[in-house]
Structures are given as C-alpha cells and as structure tokens.
N, C-alpha and C. Protein backbone atom coordinates (compact mmCIF):
# COMPACT_ATOMS: atom_id res chain seq x y z
N MET A 1 -7.24 6.31 -14.02
CA MET A 1 -6.65 5.42 -15.01
C MET A 1 -5.25 5.96 -15.34
N THR A 2 -4.38 5.08 -15.69
CA THR A 2 -2.99 5.50 -15.99
C THR A 2 -3.05 6.31 -17.25
N ALA A 3 -2.28 7.42 -17.32
CA ALA A 3 -2.30 8.34 -18.43
C ALA A 3 -1.95 7.63 -19.77
N GLY A 4 -2.64 7.88 -20.77
CA GLY A 4 -2.42 7.41 -22.12
C GLY A 4 -2.96 5.97 -22.37
N GLN A 5 -3.61 5.37 -21.39
CA GLN A 5 -4.14 4.02 -21.62
C GLN A 5 -5.66 4.05 -21.47
N ASN A 6 -6.30 3.26 -22.25
CA ASN A 6 -7.80 3.13 -22.15
C ASN A 6 -8.10 1.79 -21.73
N LYS A 7 -8.22 1.53 -20.39
CA LYS A 7 -8.42 0.18 -19.86
C LYS A 7 -9.90 -0.14 -19.85
N THR A 8 -10.18 -1.49 -19.89
CA THR A 8 -11.59 -1.90 -19.79
C THR A 8 -11.79 -2.52 -18.46
N SER A 9 -10.70 -2.86 -17.74
CA SER A 9 -10.78 -3.40 -16.39
C SER A 9 -9.56 -3.10 -15.59
N VAL A 10 -9.76 -3.24 -14.23
CA VAL A 10 -8.63 -2.99 -13.31
C VAL A 10 -8.86 -3.98 -12.17
N ARG A 11 -7.69 -4.40 -11.56
CA ARG A 11 -7.73 -5.33 -10.40
C ARG A 11 -8.59 -4.63 -9.33
N ILE A 12 -9.44 -5.49 -8.64
CA ILE A 12 -10.31 -4.97 -7.62
C ILE A 12 -9.58 -4.31 -6.42
N ASP A 13 -8.45 -4.91 -6.01
CA ASP A 13 -7.75 -4.33 -4.90
C ASP A 13 -7.18 -3.02 -5.20
N LYS A 14 -6.69 -2.76 -6.47
CA LYS A 14 -6.21 -1.53 -6.93
C LYS A 14 -7.27 -0.48 -7.02
N TRP A 15 -8.46 -0.88 -7.47
CA TRP A 15 -9.60 0.05 -7.65
C TRP A 15 -10.05 0.49 -6.24
N LEU A 16 -10.25 -0.45 -5.28
CA LEU A 16 -10.72 -0.07 -3.97
C LEU A 16 -9.77 0.81 -3.26
N TRP A 17 -8.55 0.66 -3.50
CA TRP A 17 -7.45 1.59 -2.90
C TRP A 17 -7.52 2.95 -3.59
N ALA A 18 -7.67 2.99 -4.97
CA ALA A 18 -7.85 4.26 -5.60
C ALA A 18 -9.07 4.94 -5.31
N ALA A 19 -10.12 4.24 -5.01
CA ALA A 19 -11.48 4.84 -4.67
C ALA A 19 -11.53 5.23 -3.20
N ARG A 20 -10.50 5.02 -2.49
CA ARG A 20 -10.30 5.41 -1.11
C ARG A 20 -11.19 4.68 -0.12
N PHE A 21 -11.57 3.41 -0.36
CA PHE A 21 -12.27 2.57 0.61
C PHE A 21 -11.28 1.96 1.58
N PHE A 22 -9.99 1.91 1.18
CA PHE A 22 -8.96 1.37 2.04
C PHE A 22 -7.71 2.18 1.98
N LYS A 23 -6.99 2.33 3.07
CA LYS A 23 -5.81 3.27 3.09
C LYS A 23 -4.65 2.66 2.31
N THR A 24 -4.55 1.35 2.32
CA THR A 24 -3.43 0.64 1.48
C THR A 24 -4.01 -0.37 0.59
N ARG A 25 -3.23 -0.73 -0.39
CA ARG A 25 -3.69 -1.81 -1.36
C ARG A 25 -3.63 -3.13 -0.54
N ALA A 26 -2.69 -3.33 0.40
CA ALA A 26 -2.62 -4.48 1.14
C ALA A 26 -3.93 -4.65 2.01
N LEU A 27 -4.42 -3.65 2.52
CA LEU A 27 -5.70 -3.79 3.30
C LEU A 27 -6.86 -4.13 2.45
N ALA A 28 -6.85 -3.58 1.23
CA ALA A 28 -7.94 -3.96 0.26
C ALA A 28 -7.79 -5.39 -0.14
N SER A 29 -6.61 -5.85 -0.39
CA SER A 29 -6.35 -7.23 -0.69
C SER A 29 -6.74 -8.12 0.45
N LYS A 30 -6.50 -7.79 1.62
CA LYS A 30 -6.83 -8.55 2.80
C LYS A 30 -8.33 -8.67 2.94
N ALA A 31 -9.04 -7.56 2.70
CA ALA A 31 -10.53 -7.53 2.80
C ALA A 31 -11.11 -8.51 1.77
N CYS A 32 -10.54 -8.55 0.59
CA CYS A 32 -10.98 -9.49 -0.44
C CYS A 32 -10.76 -10.99 0.04
N ASP A 33 -9.62 -11.24 0.62
CA ASP A 33 -9.35 -12.57 1.10
C ASP A 33 -10.34 -12.93 2.16
N LEU A 34 -10.68 -12.02 3.04
CA LEU A 34 -11.55 -12.25 4.20
C LEU A 34 -13.08 -12.35 3.77
N GLY A 35 -13.39 -12.16 2.51
CA GLY A 35 -14.69 -12.26 2.04
C GLY A 35 -15.54 -10.99 2.26
N ARG A 36 -14.96 -9.86 2.43
CA ARG A 36 -15.64 -8.58 2.73
C ARG A 36 -16.04 -7.82 1.57
N ILE A 37 -15.56 -8.31 0.28
CA ILE A 37 -15.86 -7.65 -0.92
C ILE A 37 -16.59 -8.67 -1.80
N ARG A 38 -17.70 -8.20 -2.44
CA ARG A 38 -18.51 -8.97 -3.33
C ARG A 38 -18.65 -8.22 -4.61
N SER A 39 -18.46 -8.79 -5.81
CA SER A 39 -18.60 -8.22 -7.02
C SER A 39 -19.67 -8.91 -7.76
N ASN A 40 -20.78 -8.23 -8.13
CA ASN A 40 -21.98 -8.82 -8.69
C ASN A 40 -22.45 -10.07 -7.97
N GLU A 41 -22.49 -9.98 -6.63
CA GLU A 41 -22.94 -11.00 -5.68
C GLU A 41 -22.04 -12.30 -5.73
N VAL A 42 -20.84 -12.13 -6.19
CA VAL A 42 -19.84 -13.17 -6.16
C VAL A 42 -18.60 -12.73 -5.27
N GLU A 43 -18.19 -13.55 -4.43
CA GLU A 43 -17.05 -13.24 -3.56
C GLU A 43 -15.84 -12.92 -4.43
N ALA A 44 -15.24 -11.79 -4.18
CA ALA A 44 -14.04 -11.24 -4.97
C ALA A 44 -12.72 -11.67 -4.46
N LYS A 45 -11.79 -12.15 -5.29
CA LYS A 45 -10.46 -12.31 -4.84
C LYS A 45 -9.73 -11.02 -5.28
N PRO A 46 -8.53 -10.73 -4.71
CA PRO A 46 -7.84 -9.44 -4.99
C PRO A 46 -7.52 -9.26 -6.47
N ALA A 47 -7.29 -10.29 -7.22
CA ALA A 47 -6.91 -10.18 -8.70
C ALA A 47 -8.16 -10.09 -9.61
N ARG A 48 -9.38 -10.20 -9.05
CA ARG A 48 -10.56 -10.10 -9.91
C ARG A 48 -10.66 -8.74 -10.57
N ASP A 49 -11.06 -8.70 -11.81
CA ASP A 49 -11.21 -7.50 -12.57
C ASP A 49 -12.49 -6.73 -12.28
N VAL A 50 -12.41 -5.49 -12.21
CA VAL A 50 -13.60 -4.58 -12.01
C VAL A 50 -13.83 -3.89 -13.34
N ARG A 51 -15.08 -3.83 -13.77
CA ARG A 51 -15.39 -3.12 -15.02
C ARG A 51 -16.51 -2.07 -14.75
N VAL A 52 -16.58 -1.10 -15.58
CA VAL A 52 -17.62 -0.09 -15.43
C VAL A 52 -18.99 -0.81 -15.46
N GLY A 53 -19.88 -0.42 -14.49
CA GLY A 53 -21.21 -0.99 -14.39
C GLY A 53 -21.30 -2.12 -13.41
N ASP A 54 -20.19 -2.58 -12.81
CA ASP A 54 -20.22 -3.66 -11.83
C ASP A 54 -20.87 -3.14 -10.53
N MET A 55 -21.58 -4.07 -9.85
CA MET A 55 -22.16 -3.72 -8.56
C MET A 55 -21.22 -4.32 -7.48
N LEU A 56 -20.82 -3.61 -6.50
CA LEU A 56 -19.90 -4.07 -5.50
C LEU A 56 -20.56 -3.93 -4.13
N ARG A 57 -20.26 -4.88 -3.28
CA ARG A 57 -20.70 -4.73 -1.82
C ARG A 57 -19.34 -4.72 -1.03
N ILE A 58 -19.15 -3.66 -0.34
CA ILE A 58 -17.88 -3.48 0.41
C ILE A 58 -18.13 -3.31 1.88
N ARG A 59 -17.53 -4.16 2.74
CA ARG A 59 -17.67 -4.01 4.12
C ARG A 59 -16.26 -3.57 4.65
N ASN A 60 -16.28 -2.38 5.32
CA ASN A 60 -15.06 -1.88 5.96
C ASN A 60 -15.48 -1.27 7.26
N GLU A 61 -14.50 -0.53 7.93
CA GLU A 61 -14.78 0.06 9.21
C GLU A 61 -15.82 1.13 9.10
N GLY A 62 -16.04 1.70 7.89
CA GLY A 62 -17.07 2.75 7.71
C GLY A 62 -18.52 2.17 7.50
N GLY A 63 -18.66 0.91 7.46
CA GLY A 63 -19.99 0.31 7.26
C GLY A 63 -19.95 -0.57 6.04
N GLU A 64 -21.18 -0.82 5.54
CA GLU A 64 -21.40 -1.70 4.41
C GLU A 64 -21.84 -0.80 3.26
N PHE A 65 -21.18 -0.86 2.21
CA PHE A 65 -21.45 0.01 0.96
C PHE A 65 -21.93 -0.87 -0.15
N TYR A 66 -22.99 -0.46 -0.90
CA TYR A 66 -23.44 -1.03 -2.10
C TYR A 66 -23.28 0.00 -3.12
N ILE A 67 -22.35 -0.21 -4.05
CA ILE A 67 -22.03 0.83 -5.02
C ILE A 67 -22.03 0.26 -6.47
N GLU A 68 -22.11 1.15 -7.43
CA GLU A 68 -22.04 0.88 -8.83
C GLU A 68 -20.73 1.54 -9.36
N VAL A 69 -19.90 0.79 -10.06
CA VAL A 69 -18.66 1.41 -10.57
C VAL A 69 -18.99 2.23 -11.79
N HIS A 70 -18.51 3.52 -11.79
CA HIS A 70 -18.75 4.46 -12.90
C HIS A 70 -17.52 4.69 -13.71
N GLN A 71 -16.32 4.71 -13.06
CA GLN A 71 -15.06 4.88 -13.78
C GLN A 71 -14.03 4.00 -13.23
N LEU A 72 -12.99 3.76 -14.02
CA LEU A 72 -11.88 2.86 -13.58
C LEU A 72 -10.65 3.68 -13.22
N SER A 73 -9.88 3.35 -12.30
CA SER A 73 -8.61 4.04 -11.96
C SER A 73 -7.70 3.04 -11.19
N ASP A 74 -6.48 3.13 -11.41
CA ASP A 74 -5.53 2.24 -10.67
C ASP A 74 -4.51 3.14 -9.99
N ILE A 75 -4.80 4.52 -9.93
CA ILE A 75 -3.93 5.43 -9.30
C ILE A 75 -4.77 6.22 -8.22
N ARG A 76 -4.16 6.36 -7.09
CA ARG A 76 -4.85 7.07 -5.99
C ARG A 76 -4.71 8.55 -6.11
N GLY A 77 -5.91 9.21 -6.09
CA GLY A 77 -5.85 10.71 -6.30
C GLY A 77 -6.61 11.37 -5.12
N PRO A 78 -6.92 12.60 -5.24
CA PRO A 78 -7.69 13.35 -4.19
C PRO A 78 -9.11 12.64 -3.96
N ALA A 79 -9.57 12.85 -2.80
CA ALA A 79 -10.88 12.35 -2.42
C ALA A 79 -11.99 12.73 -3.34
N ALA A 80 -11.93 13.97 -3.82
CA ALA A 80 -12.96 14.49 -4.70
C ALA A 80 -12.99 13.69 -6.02
N VAL A 81 -11.79 13.34 -6.50
CA VAL A 81 -11.67 12.55 -7.76
C VAL A 81 -12.16 11.10 -7.47
N ALA A 82 -11.74 10.58 -6.33
CA ALA A 82 -12.11 9.20 -5.96
C ALA A 82 -13.71 9.00 -5.84
N GLN A 83 -14.36 10.02 -5.40
CA GLN A 83 -15.76 9.92 -5.27
C GLN A 83 -16.54 9.80 -6.66
N ASN A 84 -15.86 10.33 -7.69
CA ASN A 84 -16.43 10.23 -9.01
C ASN A 84 -16.30 8.83 -9.63
N LEU A 85 -15.55 7.89 -9.01
CA LEU A 85 -15.32 6.62 -9.53
C LEU A 85 -16.54 5.70 -9.35
N TYR A 86 -17.45 6.06 -8.41
CA TYR A 86 -18.51 5.17 -8.07
C TYR A 86 -19.75 5.97 -7.64
N ARG A 87 -20.90 5.28 -7.55
CA ARG A 87 -22.11 5.95 -7.04
C ARG A 87 -22.73 4.89 -6.03
N GLU A 88 -22.89 5.39 -4.84
CA GLU A 88 -23.56 4.54 -3.77
C GLU A 88 -25.10 4.54 -3.97
N THR A 89 -25.68 3.39 -3.78
CA THR A 89 -27.11 3.28 -3.87
C THR A 89 -27.83 4.05 -2.82
N GLU A 90 -29.08 4.51 -2.96
CA GLU A 90 -29.82 5.30 -1.94
C GLU A 90 -30.06 4.32 -0.73
N ALA A 91 -30.39 3.08 -0.96
CA ALA A 91 -30.69 2.14 0.15
C ALA A 91 -29.49 1.96 0.99
N SER A 92 -28.36 1.88 0.36
CA SER A 92 -27.10 1.77 1.13
C SER A 92 -26.81 2.97 1.99
N LYS A 93 -27.03 4.16 1.52
CA LYS A 93 -26.82 5.40 2.25
C LYS A 93 -27.74 5.37 3.46
N GLU A 94 -29.06 5.12 3.26
CA GLU A 94 -30.00 5.09 4.24
C GLU A 94 -29.72 4.10 5.37
N GLN A 95 -29.27 2.85 4.92
CA GLN A 95 -28.86 1.82 5.96
C GLN A 95 -27.70 2.19 6.71
N ARG A 96 -26.67 2.85 6.18
CA ARG A 96 -25.53 3.29 6.94
C ARG A 96 -25.82 4.38 7.97
N GLN A 97 -26.76 5.33 7.47
CA GLN A 97 -27.16 6.45 8.37
C GLN A 97 -27.93 5.83 9.52
N ARG A 98 -28.87 4.90 9.27
CA ARG A 98 -29.63 4.31 10.31
C ARG A 98 -28.73 3.52 11.28
N GLU A 99 -27.77 2.81 10.84
CA GLU A 99 -26.86 2.10 11.71
C GLU A 99 -25.95 3.05 12.58
N ALA A 100 -25.59 4.23 11.97
CA ALA A 100 -24.89 5.20 12.75
C ALA A 100 -25.74 5.86 13.82
N ALA A 101 -26.98 6.05 13.59
CA ALA A 101 -27.87 6.60 14.55
C ALA A 101 -28.09 5.64 15.63
N GLU A 102 -28.22 4.34 15.34
CA GLU A 102 -28.37 3.27 16.37
C GLU A 102 -27.11 3.25 17.24
N ARG A 103 -25.92 3.33 16.61
CA ARG A 103 -24.71 3.22 17.48
C ARG A 103 -24.65 4.45 18.33
N LYS A 104 -25.03 5.58 17.88
CA LYS A 104 -25.02 6.90 18.73
C LYS A 104 -26.05 6.76 19.83
N ALA A 105 -27.16 6.21 19.52
CA ALA A 105 -28.22 6.04 20.62
C ALA A 105 -27.81 4.99 21.67
N MET A 106 -26.99 4.02 21.28
CA MET A 106 -26.59 3.00 22.27
C MET A 106 -25.51 3.56 23.21
N GLN A 107 -24.80 4.56 22.79
CA GLN A 107 -23.77 5.09 23.72
C GLN A 107 -24.36 5.69 24.97
N GLN A 108 -25.56 6.14 24.93
CA GLN A 108 -26.04 6.69 26.23
C GLN A 108 -26.50 5.61 27.12
N TYR A 109 -26.70 4.37 26.69
CA TYR A 109 -27.02 3.22 27.56
C TYR A 109 -25.77 2.54 28.08
N ALA A 110 -24.59 2.94 27.62
CA ALA A 110 -23.38 2.32 28.04
C ALA A 110 -22.46 3.39 28.47
N PRO A 111 -22.67 3.97 29.61
CA PRO A 111 -21.89 5.09 30.07
C PRO A 111 -20.53 4.65 30.33
N LEU A 112 -19.54 5.59 30.30
CA LEU A 112 -18.19 5.36 30.58
C LEU A 112 -17.96 5.09 32.12
N PRO A 113 -16.97 4.25 32.43
CA PRO A 113 -16.73 3.95 33.88
C PRO A 113 -16.24 5.28 34.50
N ASP A 114 -16.40 5.32 35.86
CA ASP A 114 -15.91 6.47 36.61
C ASP A 114 -14.46 6.55 36.71
N ARG A 115 -13.76 5.43 36.62
CA ARG A 115 -12.31 5.34 36.80
C ARG A 115 -11.71 4.29 35.95
N ARG A 116 -10.42 4.29 35.83
CA ARG A 116 -9.72 3.20 35.08
C ARG A 116 -9.86 1.92 35.88
N PRO A 117 -9.75 0.74 35.19
CA PRO A 117 -9.76 -0.54 35.92
C PRO A 117 -8.52 -0.65 36.75
N SER A 118 -8.68 -1.24 37.89
CA SER A 118 -7.51 -1.50 38.77
C SER A 118 -6.79 -2.74 38.24
N LYS A 119 -5.67 -3.05 38.86
CA LYS A 119 -4.93 -4.21 38.41
C LYS A 119 -5.82 -5.46 38.56
N ARG A 120 -6.48 -5.56 39.64
CA ARG A 120 -7.38 -6.73 39.88
C ARG A 120 -8.45 -6.82 38.83
N ASP A 121 -8.98 -5.55 38.47
CA ASP A 121 -10.13 -5.61 37.46
C ASP A 121 -9.55 -5.99 36.10
N ARG A 122 -8.36 -5.54 35.77
CA ARG A 122 -7.70 -5.98 34.52
C ARG A 122 -7.55 -7.45 34.43
N ARG A 123 -7.02 -7.97 35.55
CA ARG A 123 -6.83 -9.52 35.59
C ARG A 123 -8.16 -10.22 35.42
N ARG A 124 -9.25 -9.74 35.93
CA ARG A 124 -10.56 -10.35 35.76
C ARG A 124 -11.05 -10.21 34.37
N ILE A 125 -10.74 -9.04 33.72
CA ILE A 125 -11.15 -8.85 32.32
C ILE A 125 -10.42 -9.83 31.42
N VAL A 126 -9.08 -9.94 31.62
CA VAL A 126 -8.34 -10.85 30.88
C VAL A 126 -8.78 -12.33 31.08
N GLN A 127 -9.10 -12.70 32.35
CA GLN A 127 -9.52 -14.05 32.64
C GLN A 127 -10.92 -14.23 31.92
N PHE A 128 -11.80 -13.22 31.95
CA PHE A 128 -13.13 -13.40 31.36
C PHE A 128 -12.98 -13.59 29.86
N ARG A 129 -12.13 -12.80 29.22
CA ARG A 129 -12.01 -12.89 27.78
C ARG A 129 -11.37 -14.16 27.36
N SER A 130 -10.42 -14.72 28.12
CA SER A 130 -9.77 -15.93 27.71
C SER A 130 -10.68 -17.12 27.95
N GLY A 131 -11.83 -17.04 28.65
CA GLY A 131 -12.80 -18.03 28.92
C GLY A 131 -12.41 -19.03 30.01
N GLN A 132 -11.52 -18.57 30.93
CA GLN A 132 -11.25 -19.44 32.06
C GLN A 132 -12.12 -19.23 33.24
C-alpha cells in the first residue's frame, strides 16, 4: 500500500502486478480482458476493485491459482513481501502439483527428435499448422 494511505480497495491489475502474478501491469490487464481472472466467481475487468477477503481465481503460465486476498498493495516489492498479500487454498496447491507431475510424466512419452527438422520438414510443419 502507498505510504501514508489506508486504502480499502485497489485496482485488480495493480494488485496482481504487486503480488507478482504478472511481470507487468499491462500483462495483468490483458489477462483480465481475456477472462483469465475471476473475482468472487465474477469475471474481472482491469479496473475492478480488490478488497481484503476477496477470493480470486488466476490463470497464468504458472497454472491456475485459487487465492484469498489478505492485504492490499499497489506497489511492487520483494517476492517475500508479495507472498504475504494472499493465501493460496490447499486444494489449489494440490491441483497445481498434480498437474506439474502429469506434465513431467508426459515428457518421457514425447522424446526429443534426434535432429533438427530439415527445410522440407519445416515446410510440412507450416503446411500442417495452416490447415492446407
């Protein structure tokens, strides 16, 4: 929270950035616009206010987080401070760990190719992806 002020709410895009769920505020705002952020089971726009006690569902490259807001802040600080802003639910932690284990297990069934794709292979890949 900004020094000297006692706020009751903060913009959700600022809070997500301060809590280090996104590297920039612009990315947090874009995630809101894309419907990846829900506040109390309602899709959140970037200007929506976050209050202490709100339940948020956040989908980012790290997985899907279900968290409860414990403190408000609109300034980005160290990671140790950012982790005090929220508490992740136990079910959320277990789900993310389970998904990470599944991704790790799937890597053994999709081995890396022996060599880089040739020019012909790349053309076929591009053709396949474009649907021609």
